[in-house]
Amino acid sequence: MSKKILIAEDSSVIMNLIRKILAQKNYEVMAAKDGQKVLELVEKENFDLILMDINIPKMDGIACTRQIRAMDDEQKARVPIFAITGNARNYSVDDFKRTGIDEYLEKPLNFDRLVKLVDQYLA
């Protein structure tokens, strides 16, 4: 059974690129354009990994990650979450770790690194 990944990204261009790349690796991909939708999907579905843009509308990626980490369902609360950010300077690695983010990737995305990290976590 293929692993399921949620992409939380408000840029259609980036979302579609990530979706194509991960689909080639036989990952099942779902997408959400805002934090509210991310939480709705996480409550309904079980994901193996979440790629979380930090600057998504309605609820940013940091707040969204905190809510996921606080969920009662332990499987959902412990899903690996990778931050994707265009302003890494606004946050330190410690900020990400404290929030419960497992890895972070800066924009412009290095797609080779993205795939390598996803494969590492889901192998």
PDB file of N, CA and C in Angstrom:
ATOM      1  N   MET A   1       0.849  -1.189   0.000  1.00  0.00           N
ATOM      2  CA  MET A   1       0.000   0.000   0.000  1.00  0.00           C
ATOM      3  C   MET A   1       0.891   1.247   0.000  1.00  0.00           C
ATOM      4  N   SER A   2       0.524   2.216  -0.828  1.00  0.00           N
ATOM      5  CA  SER A   2       1.386   3.400  -0.926  1.00  0.00           C
ATOM      6  C   SER A   2       1.188   4.312   0.285  1.00  0.00           C
ATOM      7  N   LYS A   3       2.261   5.011   0.615  1.00  0.00           N
ATOM      8  CA  LYS A   3       2.254   5.935   1.751  1.00  0.00           C
ATOM      9  C   LYS A   3       1.515   7.204   1.347  1.00  0.00           C
ATOM     10  N   LYS A   4       0.824   7.800   2.315  1.00  0.00           N
ATOM     11  CA  LYS A   4      -0.002   8.979   2.033  1.00  0.00           C
ATOM     12  C   LYS A   4       0.638  10.231   2.626  1.00  0.00           C
ATOM     13  N   ILE A   5       0.800  11.237   1.761  1.00  0.00           N
ATOM     14  CA  ILE A   5       1.439  12.496   2.153  1.00  0.00           C
ATOM     15  C   ILE A   5       0.459  13.650   1.947  1.00  0.00           C
ATOM     16  N   LEU A   6       0.405  14.539   2.931  1.00  0.00           N
ATOM     17  CA  LEU A   6      -0.398  15.757   2.811  1.00  0.00           C
ATOM     18  C   LEU A   6       0.536  16.928   2.544  1.00  0.00           C
ATOM     19  N   ILE A   7       0.231  17.687   1.497  1.00  0.00           N
ATOM     20  CA  ILE A   7       0.986  18.906   1.197  1.00  0.00           C
ATOM     21  C   ILE A   7       0.125  20.093   1.618  1.00  0.00           C
ATOM     22  N   ALA A   8       0.649  20.904   2.525  1.00  0.00           N
ATOM     23  CA  ALA A   8      -0.030  22.129   2.951  1.00  0.00           C
ATOM     24  C   ALA A   8       0.733  23.282   2.314  1.00  0.00           C
ATOM     25  N   GLU A   9       0.200  23.808   1.226  1.00  0.00           N
ATOM     26  CA  GLU A   9       0.921  24.814   0.432  1.00  0.00           C
ATOM     27  C   GLU A   9      -0.097  25.665  -0.311  1.00  0.00           C
ATOM     28  N   ASP A  10       0.015  27.002  -0.203  1.00  0.00           N
ATOM     29  CA  ASP A  10      -0.951  27.870  -0.884  1.00  0.00           C
ATOM     30  C   ASP A  10      -0.534  28.229  -2.304  1.00  0.00           C
ATOM     31  N   SER A  11       0.691  27.925  -2.692  1.00  0.00           N
ATOM     32  CA  SER A  11       1.128  28.186  -4.067  1.00  0.00           C
ATOM     33  C   SER A  11       0.820  26.966  -4.936  1.00  0.00           C
ATOM     34  N   SER A  12      -0.079  27.152  -5.906  1.00  0.00           N
ATOM     35  CA  SER A  12      -0.449  26.046  -6.797  1.00  0.00           C
ATOM     36  C   SER A  12       0.751  25.515  -7.565  1.00  0.00           C
ATOM     37  N   VAL A  13       1.651  26.403  -7.956  1.00  0.00           N
ATOM     38  CA  VAL A  13       2.829  25.993  -8.730  1.00  0.00           C
ATOM     39  C   VAL A  13       3.693  25.038  -7.907  1.00  0.00           C
ATOM     40  N   ILE A  14       4.020  25.445  -6.687  1.00  0.00           N
ATOM     41  CA  ILE A  14       4.858  24.605  -5.821  1.00  0.00           C
ATOM     42  C   ILE A  14       4.123  23.309  -5.476  1.00  0.00           C
ATOM     43  N   MET A  15       2.842  23.431  -5.153  1.00  0.00           N
ATOM     44  CA  MET A  15       2.059  22.251  -4.797  1.00  0.00           C
ATOM     45  C   MET A  15       2.061  21.232  -5.936  1.00  0.00           C
ATOM     46  N   ASN A  16       1.830  21.700  -7.156  1.00  0.00           N
ATOM     47  CA  ASN A  16       1.780  20.783  -8.299  1.00  0.00           C
ATOM     48  C   ASN A  16       3.131  20.151  -8.593  1.00  0.00           C
ATOM     49  N   LEU A  17       4.205  20.916  -8.432  1.00  0.00           N
ATOM     50  CA  LEU A  17       5.551  20.351  -8.612  1.00  0.00           C
ATOM     51  C   LEU A  17       5.821  19.243  -7.596  1.00  0.00           C
ATOM     52  N   ILE A  18       5.541  19.520  -6.337  1.00  0.00           N
ATOM     53  CA  ILE A  18       5.766  18.517  -5.287  1.00  0.00           C
ATOM     54  C   ILE A  18       4.896  17.289  -5.550  1.00  0.00           C
ATOM     55  N   ARG A  19       3.644  17.536  -5.901  1.00  0.00           N
ATOM     56  CA  ARG A  19       2.703  16.439  -6.168  1.00  0.00           C
ATOM     57  C   ARG A  19       3.237  15.529  -7.278  1.00  0.00           C
ATOM     58  N   LYS A  20       3.700  16.136  -8.382  1.00  0.00           N
ATOM     59  CA  LYS A  20       4.230  15.347  -9.514  1.00  0.00           C
ATOM     60  C   LYS A  20       5.439  14.520  -9.103  1.00  0.00           C
ATOM     61  N   ILE A  21       6.360  15.163  -8.396  1.00  0.00           N
ATOM     62  CA  ILE A  21       7.593  14.483  -7.988  1.00  0.00           C
ATOM     63  C   ILE A  21       7.282  13.311  -7.060  1.00  0.00           C
ATOM     64  N   LEU A  22       6.396  13.519  -6.100  1.00  0.00           N
ATOM     65  CA  LEU A  22       6.077  12.450  -5.150  1.00  0.00           C
ATOM     66  C   LEU A  22       5.230  11.354  -5.789  1.00  0.00           C
ATOM     67  N   ALA A  23       4.373  11.721  -6.730  1.00  0.00           N
ATOM     68  CA  ALA A  23       3.564  10.719  -7.436  1.00  0.00           C
ATOM     69  C   ALA A  23       4.466   9.784  -8.250  1.00  0.00           C
ATOM     70  N   GLN A  24       5.547  10.335  -8.816  1.00  0.00           N
ATOM     71  CA  GLN A  24       6.506   9.502  -9.559  1.00  0.00           C
ATOM     72  C   GLN A  24       7.149   8.462  -8.651  1.00  0.00           C
ATOM     73  N   LYS A  25       7.236   8.774  -7.362  1.00  0.00           N
ATOM     74  CA  LYS A  25       7.821   7.842  -6.390  1.00  0.00           C
ATOM     75  C   LYS A  25       6.735   6.945  -5.772  1.00  0.00           C
ATOM     76  N   ASN A  26       5.536   6.985  -6.372  1.00  0.00           N
ATOM     77  CA  ASN A  26       4.398   6.161  -5.936  1.00  0.00           C
ATOM     78  C   ASN A  26       3.845   6.510  -4.555  1.00  0.00           C
ATOM     79  N   TYR A  27       3.985   7.771  -4.165  1.00  0.00           N
ATOM     80  CA  TYR A  27       3.337   8.221  -2.939  1.00  0.00           C
ATOM     81  C   TYR A  27       1.950   8.730  -3.303  1.00  0.00           C
ATOM     82  N   GLU A  28       0.986   8.491  -2.424  1.00  0.00           N
ATOM     83  CA  GLU A  28      -0.351   9.046  -2.605  1.00  0.00           C
ATOM     84  C   GLU A  28      -0.324  10.441  -1.993  1.00  0.00           C
ATOM     85  N   VAL A  29      -0.773  11.437  -2.751  1.00  0.00           N
ATOM     86  CA  VAL A  29      -0.636  12.820  -2.304  1.00  0.00           C
ATOM     87  C   VAL A  29      -1.995  13.511  -2.233  1.00  0.00           C
ATOM     88  N   MET A  30      -2.243  14.182  -1.115  1.00  0.00           N
ATOM     89  CA  MET A  30      -3.408  15.052  -0.977  1.00  0.00           C
ATOM     90  C   MET A  30      -2.877  16.448  -0.681  1.00  0.00           C
ATOM     91  N   ALA A  31      -3.712  17.458  -0.933  1.00  0.00           N
ATOM     92  CA  ALA A  31      -3.232  18.827  -0.760  1.00  0.00           C
ATOM     93  C   ALA A  31      -4.279  19.697  -0.078  1.00  0.00           C
ATOM     94  N   ALA A  32      -3.774  20.695   0.644  1.00  0.00           N
ATOM     95  CA  ALA A  32      -4.623  21.696   1.291  1.00  0.00           C
ATOM     96  C   ALA A  32      -3.949  23.048   1.125  1.00  0.00           C
ATOM     97  N   LYS A  33      -4.764  24.095   0.889  1.00  0.00           N
ATOM     98  CA  LYS A  33      -4.199  25.431   0.645  1.00  0.00           C
ATOM     99  C   LYS A  33      -4.220  26.330   1.871  1.00  0.00           C
ATOM    100  N   ASP A  34      -4.824  25.866   2.977  1.00  0.00           N
ATOM    101  CA  ASP A  34      -4.811  26.683   4.195  1.00  0.00           C
ATOM    102  C   ASP A  34      -4.823  25.785   5.432  1.00  0.00           C
ATOM    103  N   GLY A  35      -4.471  26.383   6.558  1.00  0.00           N
ATOM    104  CA  GLY A  35      -4.330  25.634   7.797  1.00  0.00           C
ATOM    105  C   GLY A  35      -5.610  24.977   8.286  1.00  0.00           C
ATOM    106  N   GLN A  36      -6.725  25.644   8.058  1.00  0.00           N
ATOM    107  CA  GLN A  36      -8.015  25.098   8.470  1.00  0.00           C
ATOM    108  C   GLN A  36      -8.293  23.785   7.737  1.00  0.00           C
ATOM    109  N   LYS A  37      -8.041  23.785   6.426  1.00  0.00           N
ATOM    110  CA  LYS A  37      -8.250  22.595   5.592  1.00  0.00           C
ATOM    111  C   LYS A  37      -7.293  21.475   6.007  1.00  0.00           C
ATOM    112  N   VAL A  38      -6.063  21.838   6.361  1.00  0.00           N
ATOM    113  CA  VAL A  38      -5.082  20.848   6.827  1.00  0.00           C
ATOM    114  C   VAL A  38      -5.660  20.097   8.026  1.00  0.00           C
ATOM    115  N   LEU A  39      -6.148  20.831   9.020  1.00  0.00           N
ATOM    116  CA  LEU A  39      -6.683  20.195  10.229  1.00  0.00           C
ATOM    117  C   LEU A  39      -7.894  19.324   9.920  1.00  0.00           C
ATOM    118  N   GLU A  40      -8.769  19.791   9.016  1.00  0.00           N
ATOM    119  CA  GLU A  40      -9.934  18.982   8.620  1.00  0.00           C
ATOM    120  C   GLU A  40      -9.477  17.659   8.015  1.00  0.00           C
ATOM    121  N   LEU A  41      -8.498  17.724   7.105  1.00  0.00           N
ATOM    122  CA  LEU A  41      -8.011  16.504   6.452  1.00  0.00           C
ATOM    123  C   LEU A  41      -7.313  15.571   7.440  1.00  0.00           C
ATOM    124  N   VAL A  42      -6.507  16.132   8.338  1.00  0.00           N
ATOM    125  CA  VAL A  42      -5.786  15.307   9.317  1.00  0.00           C
ATOM    126  C   VAL A  42      -6.779  14.611  10.254  1.00  0.00           C
ATOM    127  N   GLU A  43      -7.876  15.272  10.576  1.00  0.00           N
ATOM    128  CA  GLU A  43      -8.885  14.636  11.435  1.00  0.00           C
ATOM    129  C   GLU A  43      -9.577  13.481  10.719  1.00  0.00           C
ATOM    130  N   LYS A  44      -9.791  13.611   9.398  1.00  0.00           N
ATOM    131  CA  LYS A  44     -10.513  12.588   8.627  1.00  0.00           C
ATOM    132  C   LYS A  44      -9.630  11.441   8.140  1.00  0.00           C
ATOM    133  N   GLU A  45      -8.380  11.755   7.795  1.00  0.00           N
ATOM    134  CA  GLU A  45      -7.494  10.779   7.139  1.00  0.00           C
ATOM    135  C   GLU A  45      -6.276  10.498   8.003  1.00  0.00           C
ATOM    136  N   ASN A  46      -5.614   9.379   7.705  1.00  0.00           N
ATOM    137  CA  ASN A  46      -4.323   9.096   8.337  1.00  0.00           C
ATOM    138  C   ASN A  46      -3.225   9.337   7.316  1.00  0.00           C
ATOM    139  N   PHE A  47      -2.308  10.223   7.638  1.00  0.00           N
ATOM    140  CA  PHE A  47      -1.191  10.525   6.746  1.00  0.00           C
ATOM    141  C   PHE A  47       0.091   9.941   7.322  1.00  0.00           C
ATOM    142  N   ASP A  48       1.012   9.608   6.422  1.00  0.00           N
ATOM    143  CA  ASP A  48       2.316   9.094   6.837  1.00  0.00           C
ATOM    144  C   ASP A  48       3.317  10.226   6.996  1.00  0.00           C
ATOM    145  N   LEU A  49       3.005  11.394   6.378  1.00  0.00           N
ATOM    146  CA  LEU A  49       3.913  12.537   6.433  1.00  0.00           C
ATOM    147  C   LEU A  49       3.152  13.786   6.000  1.00  0.00           C
ATOM    148  N   ILE A  50       3.527  14.933   6.558  1.00  0.00           N
ATOM    149  CA  ILE A  50       2.925  16.210   6.154  1.00  0.00           C
ATOM    150  C   ILE A  50       4.040  17.171   5.765  1.00  0.00           C
ATOM    151  N   LEU A  51       3.893  17.789   4.594  1.00  0.00           N
ATOM    152  CA  LEU A  51       4.789  18.865   4.151  1.00  0.00           C
ATOM    153  C   LEU A  51       4.031  20.165   4.412  1.00  0.00           C
ATOM    154  N   MET A  52       4.509  20.955   5.356  1.00  0.00           N
ATOM    155  CA  MET A  52       3.759  22.107   5.860  1.00  0.00           C
ATOM    156  C   MET A  52       4.434  23.424   5.501  1.00  0.00           C
ATOM    157  N   ASP A  53       3.819  24.173   4.582  1.00  0.00           N
ATOM    158  CA  ASP A  53       4.304  25.531   4.326  1.00  0.00           C
ATOM    159  C   ASP A  53       4.012  26.347   5.588  1.00  0.00           C
ATOM    160  N   ILE A  54       4.989  27.104   6.033  1.00  0.00           N
ATOM    161  CA  ILE A  54       4.817  27.883   7.259  1.00  0.00           C
ATOM    162  C   ILE A  54       3.873  29.064   7.040  1.00  0.00           C
ATOM    163  N   ASN A  55       3.874  29.639   5.839  1.00  0.00           N
ATOM    164  CA  ASN A  55       3.057  30.832   5.569  1.00  0.00           C
ATOM    165  C   ASN A  55       1.791  30.505   4.789  1.00  0.00           C
ATOM    166  N   ILE A  56       0.946  29.632   5.344  1.00  0.00           N
ATOM    167  CA  ILE A  56      -0.332  29.357   4.692  1.00  0.00           C
ATOM    168  C   ILE A  56      -1.420  30.190   5.368  1.00  0.00           C
ATOM    169  N   PRO A  57      -2.485  30.518   4.604  1.00  0.00           N
ATOM    170  CA  PRO A  57      -3.549  31.362   5.153  1.00  0.00           C
ATOM    171  C   PRO A  57      -4.406  30.658   6.216  1.00  0.00           C
ATOM    172  N   LYS A  58      -5.227  31.441   6.880  1.00  0.00           N
ATOM    173  CA  LYS A  58      -6.210  31.056   7.905  1.00  0.00           C
ATOM    174  C   LYS A  58      -5.580  30.582   9.209  1.00  0.00           C
ATOM    175  N   MET A  59      -4.549  29.753   9.127  1.00  0.00           N
ATOM    176  CA  MET A  59      -3.805  29.340  10.318  1.00  0.00           C
ATOM    177  C   MET A  59      -2.425  28.960   9.811  1.00  0.00           C
ATOM    178  N   ASP A  60      -1.388  29.641  10.301  1.00  0.00           N
ATOM    179  CA  ASP A  60      -0.062  29.367   9.736  1.00  0.00           C
ATOM    180  C   ASP A  60       0.436  27.973  10.116  1.00  0.00           C
ATOM    181  N   GLY A  61       1.505  27.559   9.463  1.00  0.00           N
ATOM    182  CA  GLY A  61       2.028  26.211   9.632  1.00  0.00           C
ATOM    183  C   GLY A  61       2.496  25.889  11.039  1.00  0.00           C
ATOM    184  N   ILE A  62       2.968  26.908  11.757  1.00  0.00           N
ATOM    185  CA  ILE A  62       3.424  26.700  13.137  1.00  0.00           C
ATOM    186  C   ILE A  62       2.221  26.377  14.032  1.00  0.00           C
ATOM    187  N   ALA A  63       1.176  27.208  13.952  1.00  0.00           N
ATOM    188  CA  ALA A  63      -0.039  26.988  14.754  1.00  0.00           C
ATOM    189  C   ALA A  63      -0.689  25.656  14.382  1.00  0.00           C
ATOM    190  N   CYS A  64      -0.696  25.367  13.106  1.00  0.00           N
ATOM    191  CA  CYS A  64      -1.277  24.125  12.598  1.00  0.00           C
ATOM    192  C   CYS A  64      -0.522  22.911  13.156  1.00  0.00           C
ATOM    193  N   THR A  65       0.798  22.979  13.138  1.00  0.00           N
ATOM    194  CA  THR A  65       1.624  21.891  13.672  1.00  0.00           C
ATOM    195  C   THR A  65       1.342  21.698  15.161  1.00  0.00           C
ATOM    196  N   ARG A  66       1.244  22.795  15.900  1.00  0.00           N
ATOM    197  CA  ARG A  66       0.948  22.702  17.343  1.00  0.00           C
ATOM    198  C   ARG A  66      -0.377  21.967  17.586  1.00  0.00           C
ATOM    199  N   GLN A  67      -1.378  22.290  16.765  1.00  0.00           N
ATOM    200  CA  GLN A  67      -2.693  21.644  16.941  1.00  0.00           C
ATOM    201  C   GLN A  67      -2.621  20.157  16.612  1.00  0.00           C
ATOM    202  N   ILE A  68      -1.867  19.811  15.571  1.00  0.00           N
ATOM    203  CA  ILE A  68      -1.713  18.391  15.213  1.00  0.00           C
ATOM    204  C   ILE A  68      -1.000  17.651  16.347  1.00  0.00           C
ATOM    205  N   ARG A  69       0.065  18.241  16.870  1.00  0.00           N
ATOM    206  CA  ARG A  69       0.830  17.605  17.959  1.00  0.00           C
ATOM    207  C   ARG A  69      -0.013  17.435  19.227  1.00  0.00           C
ATOM    208  N   ALA A  70      -1.050  18.244  19.390  1.00  0.00           N
ATOM    209  CA  ALA A  70      -1.898  18.176  20.587  1.00  0.00           C
ATOM    210  C   ALA A  70      -3.093  17.234  20.420  1.00  0.00           C
ATOM    211  N   MET A  71      -3.235  16.596  19.255  1.00  0.00           N
ATOM    212  CA  MET A  71      -4.385  15.716  19.010  1.00  0.00           C
ATOM    213  C   MET A  71      -4.359  14.508  19.945  1.00  0.00           C
ATOM    214  N   ASP A  72      -5.559  14.030  20.299  1.00  0.00           N
ATOM    215  CA  ASP A  72      -5.684  12.869  21.183  1.00  0.00           C
ATOM    216  C   ASP A  72      -5.221  11.581  20.504  1.00  0.00           C
ATOM    217  N   ASP A  73      -5.487  11.460  19.204  1.00  0.00           N
ATOM    218  CA  ASP A  73      -5.076  10.274  18.449  1.00  0.00           C
ATOM    219  C   ASP A  73      -3.554  10.315  18.286  1.00  0.00           C
ATOM    220  N   GLU A  74      -2.872   9.393  18.952  1.00  0.00           N
ATOM    221  CA  GLU A  74      -1.413   9.436  18.986  1.00  0.00           C
ATOM    222  C   GLU A  74      -0.774   9.255  17.606  1.00  0.00           C
ATOM    223  N   GLN A  75      -1.395   8.429  16.759  1.00  0.00           N
ATOM    224  CA  GLN A  75      -0.855   8.227  15.413  1.00  0.00           C
ATOM    225  C   GLN A  75      -0.862   9.553  14.640  1.00  0.00           C
ATOM    226  N   LYS A  76      -1.948  10.293  14.761  1.00  0.00           N
ATOM    227  CA  LYS A  76      -2.044  11.588  14.083  1.00  0.00           C
ATOM    228  C   LYS A  76      -1.077  12.595  14.708  1.00  0.00           C
ATOM    229  N   ALA A  77      -1.001  12.605  16.033  1.00  0.00           N
ATOM    230  CA  ALA A  77      -0.164  13.573  16.748  1.00  0.00           C
ATOM    231  C   ALA A  77       1.326  13.375  16.469  1.00  0.00           C
ATOM    232  N   ARG A  78       1.720  12.156  16.089  1.00  0.00           N
ATOM    233  CA  ARG A  78       3.145  11.881  15.888  1.00  0.00           C
ATOM    234  C   ARG A  78       3.571  11.814  14.424  1.00  0.00           C
ATOM    235  N   VAL A  79       2.670  12.130  13.504  1.00  0.00           N
ATOM    236  CA  VAL A  79       3.025  12.086  12.079  1.00  0.00           C
ATOM    237  C   VAL A  79       4.231  13.000  11.821  1.00  0.00           C
ATOM    238  N   PRO A  80       5.210  12.541  11.030  1.00  0.00           N
ATOM    239  CA  PRO A  80       6.332  13.432  10.710  1.00  0.00           C
ATOM    240  C   PRO A  80       5.842  14.669   9.949  1.00  0.00           C
ATOM    241  N   ILE A  81       6.334  15.832  10.349  1.00  0.00           N
ATOM    242  CA  ILE A  81       5.969  17.090   9.690  1.00  0.00           C
ATOM    243  C   ILE A  81       7.243  17.800   9.264  1.00  0.00           C
ATOM    244  N   PHE A  82       7.307  18.135   7.965  1.00  0.00           N
ATOM    245  CA  PHE A  82       8.431  18.905   7.422  1.00  0.00           C
ATOM    246  C   PHE A  82       7.933  20.315   7.157  1.00  0.00           C
ATOM    247  N   ALA A  83       8.630  21.310   7.677  1.00  0.00           N
ATOM    248  CA  ALA A  83       8.295  22.706   7.396  1.00  0.00           C
ATOM    249  C   ALA A  83       8.897  23.096   6.051  1.00  0.00           C
ATOM    250  N   ILE A  84       8.128  23.850   5.282  1.00  0.00           N
ATOM    251  CA  ILE A  84       8.628  24.444   4.039  1.00  0.00           C
ATOM    252  C   ILE A  84       8.502  25.947   4.240  1.00  0.00           C
ATOM    253  N   THR A  85       9.608  26.662   4.081  1.00  0.00           N
ATOM    254  CA  THR A  85       9.533  28.096   4.361  1.00  0.00           C
ATOM    255  C   THR A  85      10.383  28.929   3.415  1.00  0.00           C
ATOM    256  N   GLY A  86       9.843  30.082   3.092  1.00  0.00           N
ATOM    257  CA  GLY A  86      10.587  31.057   2.302  1.00  0.00           C
ATOM    258  C   GLY A  86      11.305  32.046   3.201  1.00  0.00           C
ATOM    259  N   ASN A  87      10.946  32.076   4.500  1.00  0.00           N
ATOM    260  CA  ASN A  87      11.601  33.000   5.435  1.00  0.00           C
ATOM    261  C   ASN A  87      12.165  32.230   6.617  1.00  0.00           C
ATOM    262  N   ALA A  88      13.125  31.387   6.354  1.00  0.00           N
ATOM    263  CA  ALA A  88      13.731  30.592   7.433  1.00  0.00           C
ATOM    264  C   ALA A  88      14.368  31.503   8.478  1.00  0.00           C
ATOM    265  N   ARG A  89      14.755  32.717   8.073  1.00  0.00           N
ATOM    266  CA  ARG A  89      15.401  33.627   9.018  1.00  0.00           C
ATOM    267  C   ARG A  89      14.450  34.088  10.118  1.00  0.00           C
ATOM    268  N   ASN A  90      13.153  33.986   9.857  1.00  0.00           N
ATOM    269  CA  ASN A  90      12.182  34.372  10.887  1.00  0.00           C
ATOM    270  C   ASN A  90      12.102  33.346  12.011  1.00  0.00           C
ATOM    271  N   TYR A  91      12.598  32.146  11.746  1.00  0.00           N
ATOM    272  CA  TYR A  91      12.527  31.059  12.723  1.00  0.00           C
ATOM    273  C   TYR A  91      13.879  30.386  12.834  1.00  0.00           C
ATOM    274  N   SER A  92      14.204  29.931  14.039  1.00  0.00           N
ATOM    275  CA  SER A  92      15.445  29.172  14.215  1.00  0.00           C
ATOM    276  C   SER A  92      15.103  27.685  14.159  1.00  0.00           C
ATOM    277  N   VAL A  93      16.119  26.857  14.009  1.00  0.00           N
ATOM    278  CA  VAL A  93      15.913  25.410  14.034  1.00  0.00           C
ATOM    279  C   VAL A  93      15.264  25.023  15.368  1.00  0.00           C
ATOM    280  N   ASP A  94      15.671  25.701  16.445  1.00  0.00           N
ATOM    281  CA  ASP A  94      15.077  25.435  17.764  1.00  0.00           C
ATOM    282  C   ASP A  94      13.581  25.749  17.787  1.00  0.00           C
ATOM    283  N   ASP A  95      13.179  26.840  17.122  1.00  0.00           N
ATOM    284  CA  ASP A  95      11.748  27.172  17.034  1.00  0.00           C
ATOM    285  C   ASP A  95      10.986  26.020  16.382  1.00  0.00           C
ATOM    286  N   PHE A  96      11.540  25.520  15.276  1.00  0.00           N
ATOM    287  CA  PHE A  96      10.886  24.417  14.566  1.00  0.00           C
ATOM    288  C   PHE A  96      10.813  23.176  15.450  1.00  0.00           C
ATOM    289  N   LYS A  97      11.917  22.837  16.090  1.00  0.00           N
ATOM    290  CA  LYS A  97      11.970  21.634  16.947  1.00  0.00           C
ATOM    291  C   LYS A  97      10.981  21.756  18.110  1.00  0.00           C
ATOM    292  N   ARG A  98      10.938  22.941  18.740  1.00  0.00           N
ATOM    293  CA  ARG A  98      10.016  23.158  19.865  1.00  0.00           C
ATOM    294  C   ARG A  98       8.561  22.989  19.437  1.00  0.00           C
ATOM    295  N   THR A  99       8.264  23.381  18.220  1.00  0.00           N
ATOM    296  CA  THR A  99       6.903  23.275  17.703  1.00  0.00           C
ATOM    297  C   THR A  99       6.543  21.829  17.399  1.00  0.00           C
ATOM    298  N   GLY A 100       7.555  20.998  17.172  1.00  0.00           N
ATOM    299  CA  GLY A 100       7.293  19.599  16.830  1.00  0.00           C
ATOM    300  C   GLY A 100       7.530  19.302  15.365  1.00  0.00           C
ATOM    301  N   ILE A 101       8.205  20.214  14.680  1.00  0.00           N
ATOM    302  CA  ILE A 101       8.541  20.003  13.271  1.00  0.00           C
ATOM    303  C   ILE A 101       9.797  19.135  13.207  1.00  0.00           C
ATOM    304  N   ASP A 102       9.747  18.106  12.355  1.00  0.00           N
ATOM    305  CA  ASP A 102      10.837  17.129  12.286  1.00  0.00           C
ATOM    306  C   ASP A 102      11.995  17.581  11.397  1.00  0.00           C
ATOM    307  N   GLU A 103      11.675  18.205  10.282  1.00  0.00           N
ATOM    308  CA  GLU A 103      12.697  18.668   9.330  1.00  0.00           C
ATOM    309  C   GLU A 103      12.204  19.971   8.733  1.00  0.00           C
ATOM    310  N   TYR A 104      13.137  20.756   8.168  1.00  0.00           N
ATOM    311  CA  TYR A 104      12.645  21.925   7.437  1.00  0.00           C
ATOM    312  C   TYR A 104      13.422  22.105   6.146  1.00  0.00           C
ATOM    313  N   LEU A 105      12.702  22.611   5.154  1.00  0.00           N
ATOM    314  CA  LEU A 105      13.247  22.844   3.818  1.00  0.00           C
ATOM    315  C   LEU A 105      12.997  24.298   3.461  1.00  0.00           C
ATOM    316  N   GLU A 106      14.020  24.944   2.915  1.00  0.00           N
ATOM    317  CA  GLU A 106      13.868  26.341   2.512  1.00  0.00           C
ATOM    318  C   GLU A 106      13.471  26.440   1.047  1.00  0.00           C
ATOM    319  N   LYS A 107      12.689  27.484   0.740  1.00  0.00           N
ATOM    320  CA  LYS A 107      12.397  27.814  -0.656  1.00  0.00           C
ATOM    321  C   LYS A 107      13.521  28.698  -1.162  1.00  0.00           C
ATOM    322  N   PRO A 108      13.922  28.627  -2.415  1.00  0.00           N
ATOM    323  CA  PRO A 108      13.436  27.659  -3.405  1.00  0.00           C
ATOM    324  C   PRO A 108      13.793  26.230  -2.995  1.00  0.00           C
ATOM    325  N   LEU A 109      12.836  25.340  -3.198  1.00  0.00           N
ATOM    326  CA  LEU A 109      12.999  23.962  -2.747  1.00  0.00           C
ATOM    327  C   LEU A 109      14.072  23.217  -3.523  1.00  0.00           C
ATOM    328  N   ASN A 110      14.849  22.448  -2.791  1.00  0.00           N
ATOM    329  CA  ASN A 110      15.784  21.507  -3.390  1.00  0.00           C
ATOM    330  C   ASN A 110      15.008  20.183  -3.446  1.00  0.00           C
ATOM    331  N   PHE A 111      14.492  19.851  -4.639  1.00  0.00           N
ATOM    332  CA  PHE A 111      13.605  18.697  -4.765  1.00  0.00           C
ATOM    333  C   PHE A 111      14.328  17.375  -4.506  1.00  0.00           C
ATOM    334  N   ASP A 112      15.626  17.308  -4.818  1.00  0.00           N
ATOM    335  CA  ASP A 112      16.396  16.091  -4.517  1.00  0.00           C
ATOM    336  C   ASP A 112      16.432  15.862  -3.009  1.00  0.00           C
ATOM    337  N   ARG A 113      16.675  16.937  -2.256  1.00  0.00           N
ATOM    338  CA  ARG A 113      16.718  16.826  -0.790  1.00  0.00           C
ATOM    339  C   ARG A 113      15.336  16.454  -0.238  1.00  0.00           C
ATOM    340  N   LEU A 114      14.298  17.068  -0.808  1.00  0.00           N
ATOM    341  CA  LEU A 114      12.932  16.763  -0.389  1.00  0.00           C
ATOM    342  C   LEU A 114      12.650  15.267  -0.535  1.00  0.00           C
ATOM    343  N   VAL A 115      12.921  14.730  -1.721  1.00  0.00           N
ATOM    344  CA  VAL A 115      12.654  13.314  -1.990  1.00  0.00           C
ATOM    345  C   VAL A 115      13.488  12.421  -1.073  1.00  0.00           C
ATOM    346  N   LYS A 116      14.745  12.794  -0.879  1.00  0.00           N
ATOM    347  CA  LYS A 116      15.636  12.014  -0.020  1.00  0.00           C
ATOM    348  C   LYS A 116      15.096  11.957   1.420  1.00  0.00           C
ATOM    349  N   LEU A 117      14.676  13.111   1.948  1.00  0.00           N
ATOM    350  CA  LEU A 117      14.122  13.160   3.307  1.00  0.00           C
ATOM    351  C   LEU A 117      12.821  12.366   3.416  1.00  0.00           C
ATOM    352  N   VAL A 118      11.940  12.531   2.431  1.00  0.00           N
ATOM    353  CA  VAL A 118      10.670  11.800   2.437  1.00  0.00           C
ATOM    354  C   VAL A 118      10.955  10.297   2.426  1.00  0.00           C
ATOM    355  N   ASP A 119      11.843   9.870   1.531  1.00  0.00           N
ATOM    356  CA  ASP A 119      12.192   8.445   1.449  1.00  0.00           C
ATOM    357  C   ASP A 119      12.780   7.941   2.770  1.00  0.00           C
ATOM    358  N   GLN A 120      13.635   8.764   3.388  1.00  0.00           N
ATOM    359  CA  GLN A 120      14.251   8.381   4.673  1.00  0.00           C
ATOM    360  C   GLN A 120      13.191   8.124   5.740  1.00  0.00           C
ATOM    361  N   TYR A 121      12.235   9.033   5.827  1.00  0.00           N
ATOM    362  CA  TYR A 121      11.212   8.926   6.868  1.00  0.00           C
ATOM    363  C   TYR A 121      10.196   7.826   6.583  1.00  0.00           C
ATOM    364  N   LEU A 122       9.956   7.549   5.308  1.00  0.00           N
ATOM    365  CA  LEU A 122       8.881   6.611   4.963  1.00  0.00           C
ATOM    366  C   LEU A 122       9.379   5.243   4.515  1.00  0.00           C
ATOM    367  N   ALA A 123      10.687   5.037   4.521  1.00  0.00           N
ATOM    368  CA  ALA A 123      11.241   3.744   4.065  1.00  0.00           C
ATOM    369  C   ALA A 123      10.831   2.623   5.009  1.00  0.00           C
TER     370      ALA A 123
END
